[in-house]
Amino acid sequence: MELSVSGVGVIDKAALVLGAVEEGGASLNELVERTGLSRATAHRLASALEVHGLLRRSHDARFALGPRLVTLGETAAAGWPLAEAARPALSALRDTTGESAQLFVRQGDARVCLASLQSPHGLRTIVAAGAILPLDQGSGGRVLLGTDGGAWVATVEEREAGVASVSAPVHDRHGTVVAAVSVSGPIERLTRDPGSVFGPAVVEAARRVAQEAGLQ
């Protein structure tokens, strides 16, 4: 698992921890399994995030997203209405494929994950909302660059070993690509031809995002 994204290690690791508890919370053992961090590092980061209200402990001592994120999320959603509009489509895509689903937008020479829903499988890809990734690696980046033709773009082990992904563009009414919808997961499930497996579902999700966001 690639831990270095921004070049600031502690921030990247904290983002991994937040992403690991996004759905359903996580015990310390699950944090270690999902993030690849050592037990000591995972506990230290989770405890620090708890102090800042970004994580909390549930009644069964599991780590869960904290109350501070409610305010931050509402503020962020107001600035990015596309993320909220995309959530139903991403949820349906995740449920249909069983894989993690994301929404990316371009930010300069990089791409930002605006929304991320994790696969229910224990073995899965974790891309935290807010993560900044390269444009020239992975199907989501290629869609935003507009360098690949076709209804969808599929890549295998391009950004991370053992991971495949499929992405489709979200167009506005002028045909401009404004975002990319993606599914990603281990090659064992997506195969080395992930486009033939999930391409149509990703295209439909992208179409629905554009519709829900009033782009078309």
N, C-alpha and C. Protein backbone atom coordinates (compact mmCIF):
# COMPACT_ATOMS: atom_id res chain seq x y z
N MET A 1 0.85 -1.20 0.00
CA MET A 1 0.00 0.00 0.00
C MET A 1 0.88 1.25 0.00
N GLU A 2 0.59 2.20 -0.86
CA GLU A 2 1.38 3.42 -0.96
C GLU A 2 0.95 4.39 0.13
N LEU A 3 1.91 4.75 1.02
CA LEU A 3 1.59 5.64 2.12
C LEU A 3 1.90 7.09 1.80
N SER A 4 2.87 7.32 0.89
CA SER A 4 3.29 8.68 0.60
C SER A 4 2.47 9.23 -0.56
N VAL A 5 1.68 10.26 -0.28
CA VAL A 5 0.87 10.89 -1.31
C VAL A 5 1.24 12.36 -1.42
N SER A 6 1.20 13.06 -0.29
CA SER A 6 1.46 14.49 -0.29
C SER A 6 2.92 14.83 -0.06
N GLY A 7 3.69 13.85 0.42
CA GLY A 7 5.07 14.13 0.79
C GLY A 7 5.21 14.49 2.26
N VAL A 8 4.10 14.65 2.94
CA VAL A 8 4.11 14.92 4.39
C VAL A 8 3.57 13.64 5.05
N GLY A 9 4.50 12.81 5.52
CA GLY A 9 4.16 11.48 5.96
C GLY A 9 3.08 11.39 7.00
N VAL A 10 3.15 12.24 8.03
CA VAL A 10 2.18 12.12 9.12
C VAL A 10 0.77 12.47 8.64
N ILE A 11 0.67 13.41 7.71
CA ILE A 11 -0.65 13.77 7.16
C ILE A 11 -1.20 12.62 6.33
N ASP A 12 -0.35 12.02 5.50
CA ASP A 12 -0.79 10.90 4.68
C ASP A 12 -1.27 9.74 5.54
N LYS A 13 -0.55 9.47 6.62
CA LYS A 13 -0.94 8.36 7.50
C LYS A 13 -2.23 8.67 8.25
N ALA A 14 -2.38 9.93 8.68
CA ALA A 14 -3.63 10.31 9.35
C ALA A 14 -4.81 10.18 8.41
N ALA A 15 -4.61 10.54 7.14
CA ALA A 15 -5.68 10.40 6.16
C ALA A 15 -6.05 8.93 5.95
N LEU A 16 -5.05 8.05 5.98
CA LEU A 16 -5.31 6.62 5.87
C LEU A 16 -6.18 6.13 7.03
N VAL A 17 -5.86 6.61 8.24
CA VAL A 17 -6.62 6.21 9.42
C VAL A 17 -8.07 6.67 9.31
N LEU A 18 -8.27 7.92 8.89
CA LEU A 18 -9.63 8.43 8.73
C LEU A 18 -10.40 7.62 7.69
N GLY A 19 -9.74 7.31 6.57
CA GLY A 19 -10.39 6.53 5.54
C GLY A 19 -10.74 5.12 6.00
N ALA A 20 -9.93 4.56 6.89
CA ALA A 20 -10.15 3.20 7.36
C ALA A 20 -11.35 3.06 8.27
N VAL A 21 -11.78 4.17 8.88
CA VAL A 21 -12.94 4.10 9.79
C VAL A 21 -14.18 4.74 9.16
N GLU A 22 -14.09 5.09 7.89
CA GLU A 22 -15.15 5.88 7.25
C GLU A 22 -16.50 5.20 7.33
N GLU A 23 -16.50 3.90 7.16
CA GLU A 23 -17.78 3.19 7.16
C GLU A 23 -17.77 2.10 8.23
N GLY A 24 -18.55 2.30 9.27
CA GLY A 24 -18.70 1.27 10.28
C GLY A 24 -17.67 1.28 11.39
N GLY A 25 -16.71 2.21 11.33
CA GLY A 25 -15.70 2.27 12.37
C GLY A 25 -14.70 1.14 12.25
N ALA A 26 -13.75 1.08 13.19
CA ALA A 26 -12.71 0.06 13.15
C ALA A 26 -12.09 -0.11 14.53
N SER A 27 -11.79 -1.34 14.86
CA SER A 27 -11.00 -1.61 16.05
C SER A 27 -9.55 -1.29 15.74
N LEU A 28 -8.70 -1.30 16.76
CA LEU A 28 -7.29 -1.03 16.51
C LEU A 28 -6.70 -2.09 15.58
N ASN A 29 -7.06 -3.34 15.79
CA ASN A 29 -6.56 -4.40 14.91
C ASN A 29 -6.99 -4.18 13.47
N GLU A 30 -8.21 -3.72 13.28
CA GLU A 30 -8.70 -3.45 11.93
C GLU A 30 -8.00 -2.25 11.31
N LEU A 31 -7.67 -1.24 12.13
CA LEU A 31 -6.91 -0.10 11.63
C LEU A 31 -5.56 -0.56 11.08
N VAL A 32 -4.91 -1.42 11.83
CA VAL A 32 -3.60 -1.92 11.40
C VAL A 32 -3.74 -2.69 10.10
N GLU A 33 -4.76 -3.54 10.02
CA GLU A 33 -4.97 -4.36 8.81
C GLU A 33 -5.31 -3.50 7.60
N ARG A 34 -6.16 -2.49 7.79
CA ARG A 34 -6.63 -1.70 6.65
C ARG A 34 -5.63 -0.67 6.16
N THR A 35 -4.77 -0.18 7.06
CA THR A 35 -3.84 0.89 6.68
C THR A 35 -2.44 0.39 6.39
N GLY A 36 -2.07 -0.77 6.93
CA GLY A 36 -0.71 -1.24 6.78
C GLY A 36 0.26 -0.57 7.73
N LEU A 37 -0.25 0.24 8.64
CA LEU A 37 0.60 0.90 9.64
C LEU A 37 0.92 -0.06 10.78
N SER A 38 1.99 0.23 11.51
CA SER A 38 2.29 -0.57 12.68
C SER A 38 1.23 -0.32 13.75
N ARG A 39 1.10 -1.23 14.68
CA ARG A 39 0.09 -1.09 15.73
C ARG A 39 0.34 0.18 16.54
N ALA A 40 1.60 0.45 16.87
CA ALA A 40 1.93 1.62 17.68
C ALA A 40 1.60 2.91 16.94
N THR A 41 1.93 2.96 15.65
CA THR A 41 1.65 4.17 14.86
C THR A 41 0.16 4.38 14.68
N ALA A 42 -0.57 3.31 14.38
CA ALA A 42 -2.01 3.43 14.20
C ALA A 42 -2.68 3.92 15.48
N HIS A 43 -2.26 3.39 16.63
CA HIS A 43 -2.84 3.80 17.91
C HIS A 43 -2.51 5.26 18.22
N ARG A 44 -1.27 5.65 17.97
CA ARG A 44 -0.85 7.03 18.25
C ARG A 44 -1.62 8.02 17.40
N LEU A 45 -1.76 7.74 16.12
CA LEU A 45 -2.47 8.65 15.23
C LEU A 45 -3.96 8.70 15.56
N ALA A 46 -4.56 7.54 15.81
CA ALA A 46 -5.99 7.50 16.14
C ALA A 46 -6.27 8.25 17.43
N SER A 47 -5.40 8.11 18.41
CA SER A 47 -5.59 8.81 19.69
C SER A 47 -5.47 10.31 19.51
N ALA A 48 -4.50 10.74 18.68
CA ALA A 48 -4.33 12.17 18.43
C ALA A 48 -5.53 12.74 17.68
N LEU A 49 -6.04 12.00 16.70
CA LEU A 49 -7.22 12.45 15.97
C LEU A 49 -8.45 12.51 16.88
N GLU A 50 -8.50 11.62 17.85
CA GLU A 50 -9.59 11.65 18.81
C GLU A 50 -9.55 12.91 19.66
N VAL A 51 -8.36 13.33 20.07
CA VAL A 51 -8.21 14.55 20.86
C VAL A 51 -8.74 15.76 20.10
N HIS A 52 -8.54 15.77 18.79
CA HIS A 52 -8.99 16.90 17.96
C HIS A 52 -10.44 16.75 17.50
N GLY A 53 -11.13 15.72 17.94
CA GLY A 53 -12.52 15.54 17.57
C GLY A 53 -12.73 14.98 16.18
N LEU A 54 -11.65 14.55 15.53
CA LEU A 54 -11.77 13.99 14.19
C LEU A 54 -12.12 12.50 14.25
N LEU A 55 -11.83 11.86 15.37
CA LEU A 55 -12.27 10.50 15.64
C LEU A 55 -12.92 10.47 17.02
N ARG A 56 -13.67 9.43 17.29
CA ARG A 56 -14.26 9.22 18.61
C ARG A 56 -14.27 7.73 18.89
N ARG A 57 -14.51 7.37 20.14
CA ARG A 57 -14.64 5.96 20.50
C ARG A 57 -16.11 5.63 20.66
N SER A 58 -16.55 4.57 20.01
CA SER A 58 -17.93 4.12 20.16
C SER A 58 -18.07 3.34 21.46
N HIS A 59 -19.28 2.92 21.76
CA HIS A 59 -19.54 2.23 23.03
C HIS A 59 -18.76 0.93 23.15
N ASP A 60 -18.39 0.32 22.01
CA ASP A 60 -17.63 -0.92 22.04
C ASP A 60 -16.14 -0.69 21.80
N ALA A 61 -15.70 0.56 22.03
CA ALA A 61 -14.28 0.95 21.97
C ALA A 61 -13.71 0.97 20.55
N ARG A 62 -14.58 0.92 19.55
CA ARG A 62 -14.11 1.04 18.17
C ARG A 62 -13.92 2.51 17.82
N PHE A 63 -12.97 2.78 16.96
CA PHE A 63 -12.76 4.13 16.48
C PHE A 63 -13.80 4.44 15.39
N ALA A 64 -14.37 5.63 15.43
CA ALA A 64 -15.34 6.07 14.44
C ALA A 64 -15.07 7.55 14.12
N LEU A 65 -15.64 8.02 13.02
CA LEU A 65 -15.47 9.43 12.66
C LEU A 65 -16.03 10.32 13.76
N GLY A 66 -15.33 11.42 14.04
CA GLY A 66 -15.67 12.27 15.18
C GLY A 66 -16.59 13.42 14.84
N PRO A 67 -17.09 14.10 15.87
CA PRO A 67 -18.07 15.17 15.69
C PRO A 67 -17.53 16.39 14.95
N ARG A 68 -16.24 16.63 15.05
CA ARG A 68 -15.66 17.78 14.35
C ARG A 68 -15.83 17.66 12.85
N LEU A 69 -15.86 16.42 12.35
CA LEU A 69 -15.99 16.21 10.92
C LEU A 69 -17.37 16.57 10.39
N VAL A 70 -18.37 16.59 11.28
CA VAL A 70 -19.71 16.96 10.85
C VAL A 70 -19.71 18.40 10.35
N THR A 71 -19.14 19.29 11.16
CA THR A 71 -19.05 20.70 10.76
C THR A 71 -18.17 20.89 9.54
N LEU A 72 -17.02 20.22 9.56
CA LEU A 72 -16.11 20.35 8.42
C LEU A 72 -16.76 19.81 7.15
N GLY A 73 -17.48 18.69 7.28
CA GLY A 73 -18.13 18.10 6.12
C GLY A 73 -19.21 18.99 5.54
N GLU A 74 -20.00 19.61 6.41
CA GLU A 74 -21.06 20.51 5.94
C GLU A 74 -20.46 21.70 5.21
N THR A 75 -19.37 22.23 5.75
CA THR A 75 -18.71 23.37 5.11
C THR A 75 -18.13 22.98 3.76
N ALA A 76 -17.47 21.82 3.73
CA ALA A 76 -16.86 21.35 2.48
C ALA A 76 -17.92 21.05 1.43
N ALA A 77 -19.03 20.42 1.86
CA ALA A 77 -20.09 20.08 0.91
C ALA A 77 -20.70 21.33 0.29
N ALA A 78 -20.81 22.38 1.08
CA ALA A 78 -21.36 23.63 0.56
C ALA A 78 -20.47 24.19 -0.54
N GLY A 79 -19.15 23.96 -0.41
CA GLY A 79 -18.22 24.45 -1.42
C GLY A 79 -18.10 23.52 -2.61
N TRP A 80 -18.48 22.24 -2.45
CA TRP A 80 -18.40 21.26 -3.52
C TRP A 80 -19.74 20.54 -3.66
N PRO A 81 -20.74 21.18 -4.17
CA PRO A 81 -22.06 20.54 -4.29
C PRO A 81 -22.03 19.29 -5.16
N LEU A 82 -21.04 19.18 -6.04
CA LEU A 82 -20.93 18.00 -6.90
C LEU A 82 -20.73 16.74 -6.06
N ALA A 83 -19.99 16.85 -4.97
CA ALA A 83 -19.73 15.69 -4.12
C ALA A 83 -21.02 15.14 -3.54
N GLU A 84 -21.88 16.02 -3.05
CA GLU A 84 -23.14 15.56 -2.47
C GLU A 84 -24.07 15.01 -3.55
N ALA A 85 -24.07 15.65 -4.71
CA ALA A 85 -24.92 15.18 -5.80
C ALA A 85 -24.48 13.80 -6.28
N ALA A 86 -23.18 13.51 -6.14
CA ALA A 86 -22.65 12.25 -6.64
C ALA A 86 -22.86 11.08 -5.69
N ARG A 87 -23.15 11.36 -4.44
CA ARG A 87 -23.16 10.29 -3.43
C ARG A 87 -24.15 9.16 -3.74
N PRO A 88 -25.40 9.45 -4.16
CA PRO A 88 -26.31 8.33 -4.47
C PRO A 88 -25.79 7.43 -5.59
N ALA A 89 -25.20 8.04 -6.61
CA ALA A 89 -24.67 7.26 -7.73
C ALA A 89 -23.47 6.44 -7.29
N LEU A 90 -22.61 7.02 -6.47
CA LEU A 90 -21.44 6.29 -5.98
C LEU A 90 -21.87 5.13 -5.09
N SER A 91 -22.88 5.37 -4.27
CA SER A 91 -23.38 4.32 -3.39
C SER A 91 -23.92 3.15 -4.21
N ALA A 92 -24.69 3.46 -5.24
CA ALA A 92 -25.24 2.42 -6.10
C ALA A 92 -24.12 1.68 -6.84
N LEU A 93 -23.09 2.42 -7.27
CA LEU A 93 -21.96 1.81 -7.97
C LEU A 93 -21.21 0.86 -7.05
N ARG A 94 -20.96 1.31 -5.83
CA ARG A 94 -20.27 0.47 -4.84
C ARG A 94 -21.09 -0.81 -4.56
N ASP A 95 -22.39 -0.66 -4.40
CA ASP A 95 -23.24 -1.81 -4.10
C ASP A 95 -23.34 -2.77 -5.28
N THR A 96 -23.37 -2.23 -6.50
CA THR A 96 -23.48 -3.06 -7.70
C THR A 96 -22.21 -3.84 -7.96
N THR A 97 -21.06 -3.17 -7.81
CA THR A 97 -19.78 -3.80 -8.14
C THR A 97 -19.14 -4.51 -6.96
N GLY A 98 -19.48 -4.08 -5.74
CA GLY A 98 -18.83 -4.61 -4.55
C GLY A 98 -17.44 -4.04 -4.34
N GLU A 99 -17.09 -3.01 -5.12
CA GLU A 99 -15.75 -2.41 -5.02
C GLU A 99 -15.83 -0.95 -4.56
N SER A 100 -14.69 -0.41 -4.14
CA SER A 100 -14.63 0.97 -3.69
C SER A 100 -14.92 1.92 -4.85
N ALA A 101 -15.68 2.97 -4.58
CA ALA A 101 -16.08 3.93 -5.62
C ALA A 101 -15.62 5.33 -5.20
N GLN A 102 -15.15 6.10 -6.18
CA GLN A 102 -14.64 7.44 -5.88
C GLN A 102 -15.09 8.46 -6.94
N LEU A 103 -15.05 9.72 -6.54
CA LEU A 103 -15.27 10.84 -7.45
C LEU A 103 -14.05 11.73 -7.39
N PHE A 104 -13.44 12.00 -8.55
CA PHE A 104 -12.24 12.83 -8.62
C PHE A 104 -12.50 14.08 -9.46
N VAL A 105 -11.84 15.16 -9.09
CA VAL A 105 -11.82 16.37 -9.92
C VAL A 105 -10.36 16.80 -10.08
N ARG A 106 -10.13 17.55 -11.12
CA ARG A 106 -8.76 18.03 -11.37
C ARG A 106 -8.48 19.27 -10.54
N GLN A 107 -7.27 19.31 -10.00
CA GLN A 107 -6.80 20.50 -9.29
C GLN A 107 -5.37 20.76 -9.74
N GLY A 108 -5.22 21.64 -10.71
CA GLY A 108 -3.90 21.90 -11.26
C GLY A 108 -3.33 20.68 -11.94
N ASP A 109 -2.15 20.26 -11.50
CA ASP A 109 -1.49 19.10 -12.09
C ASP A 109 -1.75 17.83 -11.29
N ALA A 110 -2.78 17.84 -10.47
CA ALA A 110 -3.13 16.67 -9.67
C ALA A 110 -4.63 16.45 -9.72
N ARG A 111 -5.08 15.41 -9.04
CA ARG A 111 -6.52 15.17 -8.91
C ARG A 111 -6.84 14.98 -7.43
N VAL A 112 -8.03 15.42 -7.07
CA VAL A 112 -8.48 15.36 -5.69
C VAL A 112 -9.68 14.43 -5.59
N CYS A 113 -9.69 13.59 -4.58
CA CYS A 113 -10.83 12.72 -4.35
C CYS A 113 -11.88 13.50 -3.54
N LEU A 114 -13.00 13.81 -4.19
CA LEU A 114 -14.06 14.57 -3.52
C LEU A 114 -14.95 13.68 -2.67
N ALA A 115 -15.13 12.45 -3.08
CA ALA A 115 -15.99 11.53 -2.34
C ALA A 115 -15.47 10.12 -2.53
N SER A 116 -15.58 9.31 -1.49
CA SER A 116 -15.06 7.95 -1.53
C SER A 116 -15.92 7.03 -0.69
N LEU A 117 -16.38 5.94 -1.27
CA LEU A 117 -17.14 4.93 -0.55
C LEU A 117 -16.37 3.62 -0.64
N GLN A 118 -16.11 2.99 0.51
CA GLN A 118 -15.25 1.83 0.56
C GLN A 118 -16.00 0.54 0.30
N SER A 119 -15.32 -0.40 -0.33
CA SER A 119 -15.85 -1.74 -0.57
C SER A 119 -16.09 -2.45 0.75
N PRO A 120 -17.10 -3.31 0.82
CA PRO A 120 -17.33 -4.08 2.04
C PRO A 120 -16.34 -5.22 2.23
N HIS A 121 -15.55 -5.53 1.21
CA HIS A 121 -14.58 -6.61 1.31
C HIS A 121 -13.43 -6.23 2.24
N GLY A 122 -12.86 -7.21 2.92
CA GLY A 122 -11.71 -6.94 3.77
C GLY A 122 -10.51 -6.50 2.95
N LEU A 123 -10.29 -7.13 1.79
CA LEU A 123 -9.23 -6.74 0.88
C LEU A 123 -9.81 -5.74 -0.10
N ARG A 124 -9.36 -4.49 -0.02
CA ARG A 124 -9.95 -3.43 -0.83
C ARG A 124 -8.96 -2.29 -0.98
N THR A 125 -9.23 -1.39 -1.88
CA THR A 125 -8.43 -0.18 -1.99
C THR A 125 -9.07 0.90 -1.13
N ILE A 126 -8.21 1.71 -0.50
CA ILE A 126 -8.70 2.80 0.33
C ILE A 126 -8.14 4.10 -0.22
N VAL A 127 -9.02 4.94 -0.73
CA VAL A 127 -8.66 6.29 -1.16
C VAL A 127 -9.51 7.24 -0.32
N ALA A 128 -8.88 7.95 0.57
CA ALA A 128 -9.63 8.82 1.48
C ALA A 128 -10.14 10.05 0.74
N ALA A 129 -11.33 10.50 1.11
CA ALA A 129 -11.83 11.77 0.58
C ALA A 129 -10.83 12.86 0.94
N GLY A 130 -10.49 13.68 -0.04
CA GLY A 130 -9.49 14.72 0.17
C GLY A 130 -8.10 14.32 -0.29
N ALA A 131 -7.90 13.03 -0.59
CA ALA A 131 -6.59 12.58 -1.05
C ALA A 131 -6.22 13.24 -2.37
N ILE A 132 -4.96 13.60 -2.51
CA ILE A 132 -4.43 14.22 -3.73
C ILE A 132 -3.56 13.19 -4.43
N LEU A 133 -3.91 12.87 -5.66
CA LEU A 133 -3.21 11.83 -6.42
C LEU A 133 -2.72 12.40 -7.75
N PRO A 134 -1.75 11.72 -8.38
CA PRO A 134 -1.23 12.22 -9.66
C PRO A 134 -2.23 12.07 -10.79
N LEU A 135 -2.11 12.94 -11.76
CA LEU A 135 -2.98 12.88 -12.94
C LEU A 135 -2.52 11.82 -13.94
N ASP A 136 -1.22 11.56 -13.95
CA ASP A 136 -0.68 10.68 -14.99
C ASP A 136 -0.61 9.22 -14.57
N GLN A 137 -1.24 8.88 -13.45
CA GLN A 137 -1.26 7.50 -13.00
C GLN A 137 -2.67 7.13 -12.55
N GLY A 138 -3.17 6.03 -13.06
CA GLY A 138 -4.51 5.58 -12.69
C GLY A 138 -5.56 6.05 -13.68
N SER A 139 -6.64 5.28 -13.76
CA SER A 139 -7.67 5.57 -14.75
C SER A 139 -8.37 6.90 -14.50
N GLY A 140 -8.56 7.27 -13.21
CA GLY A 140 -9.22 8.55 -12.91
C GLY A 140 -8.43 9.73 -13.44
N GLY A 141 -7.11 9.68 -13.29
CA GLY A 141 -6.27 10.75 -13.80
C GLY A 141 -6.31 10.84 -15.31
N ARG A 142 -6.29 9.69 -15.96
CA ARG A 142 -6.31 9.67 -17.42
C ARG A 142 -7.63 10.24 -17.97
N VAL A 143 -8.73 9.96 -17.26
CA VAL A 143 -10.01 10.53 -17.68
C VAL A 143 -9.97 12.05 -17.58
N LEU A 144 -9.43 12.56 -16.48
CA LEU A 144 -9.39 14.01 -16.29
C LEU A 144 -8.43 14.69 -17.25
N LEU A 145 -7.39 13.97 -17.66
CA LEU A 145 -6.46 14.52 -18.66
C LEU A 145 -7.07 14.51 -20.05
N GLY A 146 -8.02 13.61 -20.26
CA GLY A 146 -8.66 13.53 -21.57
C GLY A 146 -7.78 12.96 -22.65
N THR A 147 -6.77 12.15 -22.26
CA THR A 147 -5.82 11.61 -23.24
C THR A 147 -6.26 10.27 -23.80
N ASP A 148 -7.25 9.65 -23.20
CA ASP A 148 -7.72 8.35 -23.67
C ASP A 148 -9.15 8.50 -24.20
N GLY A 149 -9.40 7.94 -25.35
CA GLY A 149 -10.75 7.99 -25.90
C GLY A 149 -11.60 6.85 -25.34
N GLY A 150 -12.83 6.81 -25.75
CA GLY A 150 -13.71 5.74 -25.31
C GLY A 150 -14.60 6.14 -24.16
N ALA A 151 -15.56 5.27 -23.88
CA ALA A 151 -16.54 5.57 -22.85
C ALA A 151 -15.95 5.46 -21.45
N TRP A 152 -14.93 4.62 -21.29
CA TRP A 152 -14.28 4.48 -19.99
C TRP A 152 -12.79 4.23 -20.20
N VAL A 153 -12.04 4.35 -19.12
CA VAL A 153 -10.60 4.09 -19.12
C VAL A 153 -10.33 3.07 -18.02
N ALA A 154 -9.56 2.05 -18.32
CA ALA A 154 -9.19 1.04 -17.34
C ALA A 154 -7.67 0.97 -17.23
N THR A 155 -7.16 0.81 -16.02
CA THR A 155 -5.73 0.64 -15.80
C THR A 155 -5.50 -0.50 -14.81
N VAL A 156 -4.35 -1.14 -14.93
CA VAL A 156 -3.99 -2.25 -14.07
C VAL A 156 -2.58 -2.01 -13.51
N GLU A 157 -2.47 -1.94 -12.21
CA GLU A 157 -1.19 -1.75 -11.52
C GLU A 157 -0.42 -0.54 -12.01
N GLU A 158 -1.12 0.51 -12.39
CA GLU A 158 -0.43 1.70 -12.89
C GLU A 158 0.02 2.61 -11.76
N ARG A 159 -0.84 2.80 -10.75
CA ARG A 159 -0.47 3.65 -9.61
C ARG A 159 -0.03 2.83 -8.41
N GLU A 160 -0.60 1.65 -8.26
CA GLU A 160 -0.30 0.83 -7.10
C GLU A 160 -0.31 -0.65 -7.47
N ALA A 161 0.69 -1.38 -7.03
CA ALA A 161 0.79 -2.80 -7.36
C ALA A 161 -0.43 -3.56 -6.84
N GLY A 162 -0.93 -4.46 -7.68
CA GLY A 162 -2.04 -5.30 -7.28
C GLY A 162 -3.41 -4.68 -7.40
N VAL A 163 -3.47 -3.44 -7.88
CA VAL A 163 -4.74 -2.71 -7.94
C VAL A 163 -5.12 -2.41 -9.39
N ALA A 164 -6.39 -2.59 -9.70
CA ALA A 164 -6.94 -2.21 -11.00
C ALA A 164 -8.07 -1.21 -10.79
N SER A 165 -8.33 -0.42 -11.81
CA SER A 165 -9.41 0.57 -11.69
C SER A 165 -10.05 0.84 -13.03
N VAL A 166 -11.28 1.31 -12.97
CA VAL A 166 -12.04 1.72 -14.17
C VAL A 166 -12.67 3.06 -13.86
N SER A 167 -12.57 4.00 -14.79
CA SER A 167 -13.13 5.34 -14.59
C SER A 167 -13.86 5.81 -15.83
N ALA A 168 -14.84 6.68 -15.61
CA ALA A 168 -15.60 7.27 -16.71
C ALA A 168 -15.77 8.76 -16.45
N PRO A 169 -15.84 9.58 -17.50
CA PRO A 169 -15.95 11.03 -17.33
C PRO A 169 -17.36 11.48 -17.00
N VAL A 170 -17.43 12.52 -16.19
CA VAL A 170 -18.68 13.25 -15.94
C VAL A 170 -18.63 14.50 -16.80
N HIS A 171 -19.55 14.62 -17.76
CA HIS A 171 -19.54 15.76 -18.68
C HIS A 171 -20.60 16.79 -18.29
N ASP A 172 -20.29 18.06 -18.58
CA ASP A 172 -21.34 19.07 -18.47
C ASP A 172 -22.08 19.15 -19.81
N ARG A 173 -23.01 20.07 -19.92
CA ARG A 173 -23.85 20.13 -21.13
C ARG A 173 -23.06 20.55 -22.36
N HIS A 174 -21.83 21.06 -22.16
CA HIS A 174 -21.00 21.45 -23.29
C HIS A 174 -20.03 20.34 -23.69
N GLY A 175 -20.08 19.23 -22.97
CA GLY A 175 -19.19 18.12 -23.27
C GLY A 175 -17.86 18.18 -22.57
N THR A 176 -17.69 19.15 -21.70
CA THR A 176 -16.43 19.30 -20.95
C THR A 176 -16.39 18.29 -19.81
N VAL A 177 -15.24 17.66 -19.63
CA VAL A 177 -15.07 16.72 -18.52
C VAL A 177 -14.86 17.51 -17.23
N VAL A 178 -15.77 17.36 -16.28
CA VAL A 178 -15.68 18.10 -15.03
C VAL A 178 -15.28 17.22 -13.85
N ALA A 179 -15.38 15.90 -14.02
CA ALA A 179 -15.04 14.98 -12.94
C ALA A 179 -14.86 13.59 -13.51
N ALA A 180 -14.38 12.69 -12.67
CA ALA A 180 -14.24 11.29 -13.05
C ALA A 180 -14.82 10.41 -11.96
N VAL A 181 -15.63 9.45 -12.35
CA VAL A 181 -16.16 8.44 -11.43
C VAL A 181 -15.32 7.18 -11.60
N SER A 182 -14.92 6.57 -10.48
CA SER A 182 -14.03 5.42 -10.54
C SER A 182 -14.48 4.30 -9.62
N VAL A 183 -14.13 3.09 -10.01
CA VAL A 183 -14.14 1.95 -9.08
C VAL A 183 -12.73 1.38 -9.09
N SER A 184 -12.29 0.91 -7.92
CA SER A 184 -10.95 0.35 -7.82
C SER A 184 -10.96 -0.81 -6.84
N GLY A 185 -10.05 -1.73 -7.05
CA GLY A 185 -9.97 -2.89 -6.17
C GLY A 185 -8.84 -3.80 -6.60
N PRO A 186 -8.67 -4.91 -5.89
CA PRO A 186 -7.60 -5.85 -6.21
C PRO A 186 -7.82 -6.55 -7.54
N ILE A 187 -6.73 -6.84 -8.23
CA ILE A 187 -6.80 -7.50 -9.53
C ILE A 187 -7.51 -8.85 -9.42
N GLU A 188 -7.39 -9.50 -8.27
CA GLU A 188 -8.02 -10.80 -8.10
C GLU A 188 -9.52 -10.75 -8.39
N ARG A 189 -10.15 -9.61 -8.12
CA ARG A 189 -11.59 -9.49 -8.37
C ARG A 189 -11.88 -8.71 -9.65
N LEU A 190 -11.12 -7.66 -9.92
CA LEU A 190 -11.39 -6.86 -11.11
C LEU A 190 -10.82 -7.49 -12.38
N THR A 191 -9.90 -8.42 -12.24
CA THR A 191 -9.19 -9.08 -13.34
C THR A 191 -8.25 -8.10 -14.04
N ARG A 192 -7.55 -8.60 -15.02
CA ARG A 192 -6.64 -7.73 -15.78
C ARG A 192 -7.34 -7.07 -16.96
N ASP A 193 -8.63 -7.28 -17.05
CA ASP A 193 -9.46 -6.59 -18.05
C ASP A 193 -10.65 -5.98 -17.32
N PRO A 194 -10.39 -5.03 -16.40
CA PRO A 194 -11.47 -4.51 -15.55
C PRO A 194 -12.53 -3.74 -16.30
N GLY A 195 -12.19 -3.19 -17.46
CA GLY A 195 -13.17 -2.43 -18.23
C GLY A 195 -14.32 -3.29 -18.70
N SER A 196 -14.02 -4.52 -19.11
CA SER A 196 -15.08 -5.40 -19.59
C SER A 196 -15.97 -5.86 -18.46
N VAL A 197 -15.44 -5.83 -17.22
CA VAL A 197 -16.22 -6.27 -16.06
C VAL A 197 -17.11 -5.14 -15.54
N PHE A 198 -16.53 -3.94 -15.39
CA PHE A 198 -17.25 -2.86 -14.71
C PHE A 198 -17.43 -1.59 -15.54
N GLY A 199 -16.92 -1.58 -16.78
CA GLY A 199 -17.03 -0.38 -17.60
C GLY A 199 -18.44 0.17 -17.72
N PRO A 200 -19.42 -0.64 -18.13
CA PRO A 200 -20.79 -0.12 -18.28
C PRO A 200 -21.37 0.45 -16.99
N ALA A 201 -21.09 -0.20 -15.86
CA ALA A 201 -21.61 0.29 -14.57
C ALA A 201 -21.01 1.64 -14.21
N VAL A 202 -19.73 1.82 -14.51
CA VAL A 202 -19.08 3.10 -14.20
C VAL A 202 -19.60 4.20 -15.12
N VAL A 203 -19.81 3.89 -16.37
CA VAL A 203 -20.37 4.87 -17.31
C VAL A 203 -21.75 5.31 -16.86
N GLU A 204 -22.57 4.37 -16.44
CA GLU A 204 -23.91 4.70 -15.98
C GLU A 204 -23.86 5.56 -14.73
N ALA A 205 -22.93 5.27 -13.82
CA ALA A 205 -22.79 6.08 -12.61
C ALA A 205 -22.37 7.51 -12.95
N ALA A 206 -21.46 7.66 -13.91
CA ALA A 206 -21.03 8.99 -14.32
C ALA A 206 -22.18 9.78 -14.95
N ARG A 207 -22.98 9.08 -15.75
CA ARG A 207 -24.15 9.73 -16.35
C ARG A 207 -25.13 10.20 -15.28
N ARG A 208 -25.32 9.35 -14.27
CA ARG A 208 -26.24 9.70 -13.19
C ARG A 208 -25.72 10.88 -12.36
N VAL A 209 -24.41 10.93 -12.14
CA VAL A 209 -23.83 12.06 -11.41
C VAL A 209 -24.10 13.35 -12.15
N ALA A 210 -23.87 13.36 -13.46
CA ALA A 210 -24.13 14.57 -14.26
C ALA A 210 -25.59 14.98 -14.18
N GLN A 211 -26.46 14.00 -14.21
CA GLN A 211 -27.90 14.29 -14.14
C GLN A 211 -28.29 14.85 -12.78
N GLU A 212 -27.82 14.19 -11.70
CA GLU A 212 -28.17 14.62 -10.34
C GLU A 212 -27.59 16.00 -10.02
N ALA A 213 -26.45 16.32 -10.62
CA ALA A 213 -25.80 17.60 -10.37
C ALA A 213 -26.35 18.72 -11.26
N GLY A 214 -27.26 18.37 -12.18
CA GLY A 214 -27.84 19.36 -13.06
C GLY A 214 -26.88 19.85 -14.12
N LEU A 215 -25.91 19.00 -14.49
CA LEU A 215 -24.92 19.41 -15.47
C LEU A 215 -25.42 19.23 -16.90
N GLN A 216 -26.48 18.42 -17.06
CA GLN A 216 -26.97 18.16 -18.42
C GLN A 216 -28.47 18.45 -18.52
